[in-house]
Amino acid sequence: MVAIILLIAAFIFLVDAAFMLGKVNSKGAATANAIVGALMAVLGLWSSGTAKDEGTLIVAGLTMAFSMFYLIFAWDLFGDYDLTGLGYYCLGAGLYVALTSYFYFNAGDLRFGLFAFSWAVLFLAAFASMALKLAWGRFIGWLLAIEGIVTLLFPAFLIMIGKW
């Protein structure tokens, strides 16, 4: 399940990177975010309901943090709404993801600790851009592209082929 969640997240990171870099229009990005957000919300809720350990609950929480971002982002893009509220959502999500980074480091999982740390940086950069109105769009676009490949796409593939 984790590999599929990472794979889907990788794809939407790349769509959102292209949007932030001006390569995809808002309606195209909104459609992709709505579909991925809905799918990931189902996967996150299912994971949380079937969790037998804290690691699975952490993954479910991460999945829900990202899925709610995608759904709110889609809504805001479809309606051409101001992104300030989503920015403040990113503050809370960024703090949660930073805590998951601590969990992974404490559990001895350096790779996912670093991945979660990088995702927390991304959420907090989104907070700074959307809520505080800092002009970090291009930076966030490149961060999404790099993190999408390094922390999501490659790990998902390696997990799928048993090389993780």
C-alpha atoms as a PDB file:
ATOM      1  CA  MET A   1       0.000   0.000   0.000  1.00  0.00           C
ATOM      2  CA  VAL A   2       2.816   2.431   0.887  1.00  0.00           C
ATOM      3  CA  ALA A   3       4.381   2.071  -2.569  1.00  0.00           C
ATOM      4  CA  ILE A   4       1.095   2.920  -4.291  1.00  0.00           C
ATOM      5  CA  ILE A   5       0.532   5.956  -2.060  1.00  0.00           C
ATOM      6  CA  LEU A   6       4.079   7.170  -2.782  1.00  0.00           C
ATOM      7  CA  LEU A   7       3.600   6.610  -6.511  1.00  0.00           C
ATOM      8  CA  ILE A   8       0.334   8.552  -6.673  1.00  0.00           C
ATOM      9  CA  ALA A   9       1.870  11.362  -4.620  1.00  0.00           C
ATOM     10  CA  ALA A  10       4.869  11.470  -7.000  1.00  0.00           C
ATOM     11  CA  PHE A  11       2.588  12.012  -9.956  1.00  0.00           C
ATOM     12  CA  ILE A  12       0.671  14.862  -8.326  1.00  0.00           C
ATOM     13  CA  PHE A  13       3.893  16.478  -7.065  1.00  0.00           C
ATOM     14  CA  LEU A  14       4.986  16.646 -10.708  1.00  0.00           C
ATOM     15  CA  VAL A  15       1.649  18.109 -11.835  1.00  0.00           C
ATOM     16  CA  ASP A  16       1.812  20.720  -9.082  1.00  0.00           C
ATOM     17  CA  ALA A  17       5.448  21.473  -9.925  1.00  0.00           C
ATOM     18  CA  ALA A  18       4.436  22.116 -13.531  1.00  0.00           C
ATOM     19  CA  PHE A  19       1.589  24.345 -12.305  1.00  0.00           C
ATOM     20  CA  MET A  20       3.898  26.348 -10.033  1.00  0.00           C
ATOM     21  CA  LEU A  21       6.347  26.763 -12.925  1.00  0.00           C
ATOM     22  CA  GLY A  22       3.599  28.003 -15.252  1.00  0.00           C
ATOM     23  CA  LYS A  23       3.421  24.895 -17.451  1.00  0.00           C
ATOM     24  CA  VAL A  24      -0.091  23.711 -16.450  1.00  0.00           C
ATOM     25  CA  ASN A  25      -3.169  25.928 -16.132  1.00  0.00           C
ATOM     26  CA  SER A  26      -5.195  26.125 -12.938  1.00  0.00           C
ATOM     27  CA  LYS A  27      -8.128  24.014 -14.166  1.00  0.00           C
ATOM     28  CA  GLY A  28      -5.837  21.206 -15.323  1.00  0.00           C
ATOM     29  CA  ALA A  29      -4.016  21.220 -11.996  1.00  0.00           C
ATOM     30  CA  ALA A  30      -7.323  21.373 -10.116  1.00  0.00           C
ATOM     31  CA  THR A  31      -8.709  18.316 -11.901  1.00  0.00           C
ATOM     32  CA  ALA A  32      -5.620  16.223 -11.165  1.00  0.00           C
ATOM     33  CA  ASN A  33      -5.544  17.371  -7.522  1.00  0.00           C
ATOM     34  CA  ALA A  34      -9.241  16.572  -7.036  1.00  0.00           C
ATOM     35  CA  ILE A  35      -8.882  13.030  -8.360  1.00  0.00           C
ATOM     36  CA  VAL A  36      -5.656  12.275  -6.508  1.00  0.00           C
ATOM     37  CA  GLY A  37      -6.937  13.941  -3.323  1.00  0.00           C
ATOM     38  CA  ALA A  38     -10.100  11.847  -3.339  1.00  0.00           C
ATOM     39  CA  LEU A  39      -8.217   8.607  -4.024  1.00  0.00           C
ATOM     40  CA  MET A  40      -5.617   9.309  -1.351  1.00  0.00           C
ATOM     41  CA  ALA A  41      -8.319  10.239   1.178  1.00  0.00           C
ATOM     42  CA  VAL A  42      -9.915   6.826   0.658  1.00  0.00           C
ATOM     43  CA  LEU A  43      -6.528   5.100   1.000  1.00  0.00           C
ATOM     44  CA  GLY A  44      -5.666   7.140   4.103  1.00  0.00           C
ATOM     45  CA  LEU A  45      -8.979   6.415   5.807  1.00  0.00           C
ATOM     46  CA  TRP A  46      -8.739   2.733   4.929  1.00  0.00           C
ATOM     47  CA  SER A  47      -5.164   2.582   6.256  1.00  0.00           C
ATOM     48  CA  SER A  48      -6.129   4.281   9.497  1.00  0.00           C
ATOM     49  CA  GLY A  49      -9.059   1.922  10.014  1.00  0.00           C
ATOM     50  CA  THR A  50      -6.982  -1.199   9.469  1.00  0.00           C
ATOM     51  CA  ALA A  51      -3.802  -0.038  11.236  1.00  0.00           C
ATOM     52  CA  LYS A  52      -2.272  -2.473  13.681  1.00  0.00           C
ATOM     53  CA  ASP A  53       0.742  -0.353  14.695  1.00  0.00           C
ATOM     54  CA  GLU A  54       1.865   3.239  15.066  1.00  0.00           C
ATOM     55  CA  GLY A  55       3.884   3.152  11.823  1.00  0.00           C
ATOM     56  CA  THR A  56       0.770   2.440   9.793  1.00  0.00           C
ATOM     57  CA  LEU A  57      -1.105   5.199  11.618  1.00  0.00           C
ATOM     58  CA  ILE A  58       1.735   7.619  10.823  1.00  0.00           C
ATOM     59  CA  VAL A  59       1.494   6.691   7.119  1.00  0.00           C
ATOM     60  CA  ALA A  60      -2.300   7.118   7.267  1.00  0.00           C
ATOM     61  CA  GLY A  61      -1.858  10.540   8.875  1.00  0.00           C
ATOM     62  CA  LEU A  62       0.647  11.589   6.225  1.00  0.00           C
ATOM     63  CA  THR A  63      -1.679  10.357   3.502  1.00  0.00           C
ATOM     64  CA  MET A  64      -4.563  12.338   4.982  1.00  0.00           C
ATOM     65  CA  ALA A  65      -2.451  15.499   5.403  1.00  0.00           C
ATOM     66  CA  PHE A  66      -1.530  15.402   1.731  1.00  0.00           C
ATOM     67  CA  SER A  67      -4.952  14.305   0.463  1.00  0.00           C
ATOM     68  CA  MET A  68      -6.713  17.148   2.253  1.00  0.00           C
ATOM     69  CA  PHE A  69      -4.176  19.578   0.795  1.00  0.00           C
ATOM     70  CA  TYR A  70      -4.932  18.276  -2.718  1.00  0.00           C
ATOM     71  CA  LEU A  71      -8.693  18.510  -2.209  1.00  0.00           C
ATOM     72  CA  ILE A  72      -8.562  22.046  -0.775  1.00  0.00           C
ATOM     73  CA  PHE A  73      -6.103  23.119  -3.486  1.00  0.00           C
ATOM     74  CA  ALA A  74      -8.410  21.719  -6.190  1.00  0.00           C
ATOM     75  CA  TRP A  75     -11.410  23.504  -4.680  1.00  0.00           C
ATOM     76  CA  ASP A  76      -9.517  26.788  -4.481  1.00  0.00           C
ATOM     77  CA  LEU A  77      -8.249  26.486  -8.056  1.00  0.00           C
ATOM     78  CA  PHE A  78     -11.650  25.519  -9.486  1.00  0.00           C
ATOM     79  CA  GLY A  79     -13.283  28.469  -7.718  1.00  0.00           C
ATOM     80  CA  ASP A  80     -10.397  30.875  -8.300  1.00  0.00           C
ATOM     81  CA  TYR A  81     -10.317  31.466  -4.535  1.00  0.00           C
ATOM     82  CA  ASP A  82      -7.582  33.078  -2.490  1.00  0.00           C
ATOM     83  CA  LEU A  83      -5.064  30.520  -1.181  1.00  0.00           C
ATOM     84  CA  THR A  84      -4.479  32.128   2.227  1.00  0.00           C
ATOM     85  CA  GLY A  85      -6.621  29.586   4.092  1.00  0.00           C
ATOM     86  CA  LEU A  86      -4.804  26.724   2.388  1.00  0.00           C
ATOM     87  CA  GLY A  87      -1.555  28.367   3.412  1.00  0.00           C
ATOM     88  CA  TYR A  88      -2.532  28.182   7.057  1.00  0.00           C
ATOM     89  CA  TYR A  89      -3.571  24.555   6.555  1.00  0.00           C
ATOM     90  CA  CYS A  90      -0.002  24.002   5.313  1.00  0.00           C
ATOM     91  CA  LEU A  91       1.346  25.393   8.593  1.00  0.00           C
ATOM     92  CA  GLY A  92      -0.492  22.717  10.594  1.00  0.00           C
ATOM     93  CA  ALA A  93       0.311  19.993   8.079  1.00  0.00           C
ATOM     94  CA  GLY A  94       3.963  21.031   8.031  1.00  0.00           C
ATOM     95  CA  LEU A  95       4.194  20.780  11.801  1.00  0.00           C
ATOM     96  CA  TYR A  96       2.563  17.335  11.755  1.00  0.00           C
ATOM     97  CA  VAL A  97       4.898  16.124   9.017  1.00  0.00           C
ATOM     98  CA  ALA A  98       7.889  17.457  10.984  1.00  0.00           C
ATOM     99  CA  LEU A  99       6.718  15.343  13.919  1.00  0.00           C
ATOM    100  CA  THR A 100       6.531  12.289  11.657  1.00  0.00           C
ATOM    101  CA  SER A 101      10.116  12.991  10.658  1.00  0.00           C
ATOM    102  CA  TYR A 102      11.037  12.782  14.341  1.00  0.00           C
ATOM    103  CA  PHE A 103       9.100   9.500  14.584  1.00  0.00           C
ATOM    104  CA  TYR A 104      11.012   7.975  11.672  1.00  0.00           C
ATOM    105  CA  PHE A 105      14.401   9.163  12.912  1.00  0.00           C
ATOM    106  CA  ASN A 106      13.586   7.850  16.396  1.00  0.00           C
ATOM    107  CA  ALA A 107      12.558   4.497  14.887  1.00  0.00           C
ATOM    108  CA  GLY A 108      15.909   4.294  13.081  1.00  0.00           C
ATOM    109  CA  ASP A 109      14.492   4.888   9.589  1.00  0.00           C
ATOM    110  CA  LEU A 110      16.882   7.514   8.261  1.00  0.00           C
ATOM    111  CA  ARG A 111      15.456   7.492   4.719  1.00  0.00           C
ATOM    112  CA  PHE A 112      11.839   8.172   5.658  1.00  0.00           C
ATOM    113  CA  GLY A 113      13.015  10.563   8.368  1.00  0.00           C
ATOM    114  CA  LEU A 114      14.755  12.627   5.693  1.00  0.00           C
ATOM    115  CA  PHE A 115      11.821  12.300   3.308  1.00  0.00           C
ATOM    116  CA  ALA A 116       9.348  13.491   5.950  1.00  0.00           C
ATOM    117  CA  PHE A 117      11.684  16.356   6.857  1.00  0.00           C
ATOM    118  CA  SER A 118      11.791  17.423   3.201  1.00  0.00           C
ATOM    119  CA  TRP A 119       7.980  17.223   2.968  1.00  0.00           C
ATOM    120  CA  ALA A 120       7.699  19.361   6.116  1.00  0.00           C
ATOM    121  CA  VAL A 121       9.961  21.959   4.485  1.00  0.00           C
ATOM    122  CA  LEU A 122       7.693  21.882   1.438  1.00  0.00           C
ATOM    123  CA  PHE A 123       4.525  22.394   3.508  1.00  0.00           C
ATOM    124  CA  LEU A 124       6.151  25.223   5.457  1.00  0.00           C
ATOM    125  CA  ALA A 125       7.366  26.857   2.232  1.00  0.00           C
ATOM    126  CA  ALA A 126       3.787  26.625   0.926  1.00  0.00           C
ATOM    127  CA  PHE A 127       2.610  28.299   4.145  1.00  0.00           C
ATOM    128  CA  ALA A 128       5.107  31.123   3.599  1.00  0.00           C
ATOM    129  CA  SER A 129       4.032  31.523  -0.016  1.00  0.00           C
ATOM    130  CA  MET A 130       0.254  31.259   0.341  1.00  0.00           C
ATOM    131  CA  ALA A 131      -0.424  32.674   3.815  1.00  0.00           C
ATOM    132  CA  LEU A 132       2.435  35.138   4.178  1.00  0.00           C
ATOM    133  CA  LYS A 133       2.444  36.035   0.460  1.00  0.00           C
ATOM    134  CA  LEU A 134       6.163  35.479  -0.074  1.00  0.00           C
ATOM    135  CA  ALA A 135       7.009  35.104  -3.765  1.00  0.00           C
ATOM    136  CA  TRP A 136       8.346  31.541  -3.543  1.00  0.00           C
ATOM    137  CA  GLY A 137       6.337  29.990  -6.389  1.00  0.00           C
ATOM    138  CA  ARG A 138       9.268  29.007  -8.605  1.00  0.00           C
ATOM    139  CA  PHE A 139      11.249  27.715  -5.620  1.00  0.00           C
ATOM    140  CA  ILE A 140       8.271  25.594  -4.546  1.00  0.00           C
ATOM    141  CA  GLY A 141       7.813  24.356  -8.112  1.00  0.00           C
ATOM    142  CA  TRP A 142      11.388  23.084  -8.286  1.00  0.00           C
ATOM    143  CA  LEU A 143      11.167  21.690  -4.760  1.00  0.00           C
ATOM    144  CA  LEU A 144       8.042  19.745  -5.762  1.00  0.00           C
ATOM    145  CA  ALA A 145       9.750  18.365  -8.870  1.00  0.00           C
ATOM    146  CA  ILE A 146      12.890  17.274  -7.026  1.00  0.00           C
ATOM    147  CA  GLU A 147      11.056  15.852  -4.007  1.00  0.00           C
ATOM    148  CA  GLY A 148       8.514  14.140  -6.250  1.00  0.00           C
ATOM    149  CA  ILE A 149      11.250  12.172  -7.962  1.00  0.00           C
ATOM    150  CA  VAL A 150      13.713  11.640  -5.090  1.00  0.00           C
ATOM    151  CA  THR A 151      11.372  11.050  -2.129  1.00  0.00           C
ATOM    152  CA  LEU A 152       8.367   9.526  -3.877  1.00  0.00           C
ATOM    153  CA  LEU A 153       8.846   8.099  -7.371  1.00  0.00           C
ATOM    154  CA  PHE A 154      12.194   6.331  -6.837  1.00  0.00           C
ATOM    155  CA  PRO A 155      11.275   4.898  -3.410  1.00  0.00           C
ATOM    156  CA  ALA A 156       7.884   3.713  -4.714  1.00  0.00           C
ATOM    157  CA  PHE A 157       9.507   1.897  -7.613  1.00  0.00           C
ATOM    158  CA  LEU A 158      12.227   0.372  -5.429  1.00  0.00           C
ATOM    159  CA  ILE A 159       9.630  -0.848  -2.923  1.00  0.00           C
ATOM    160  CA  MET A 160       7.593  -2.362  -5.768  1.00  0.00           C
ATOM    161  CA  ILE A 161      10.523  -4.336  -7.147  1.00  0.00           C
ATOM    162  CA  GLY A 162      11.754  -5.431  -3.708  1.00  0.00           C
ATOM    163  CA  LYS A 163      14.992  -3.426  -3.810  1.00  0.00           C
ATOM    164  CA  TRP A 164      14.215  -1.024  -0.964  1.00  0.00           C
END
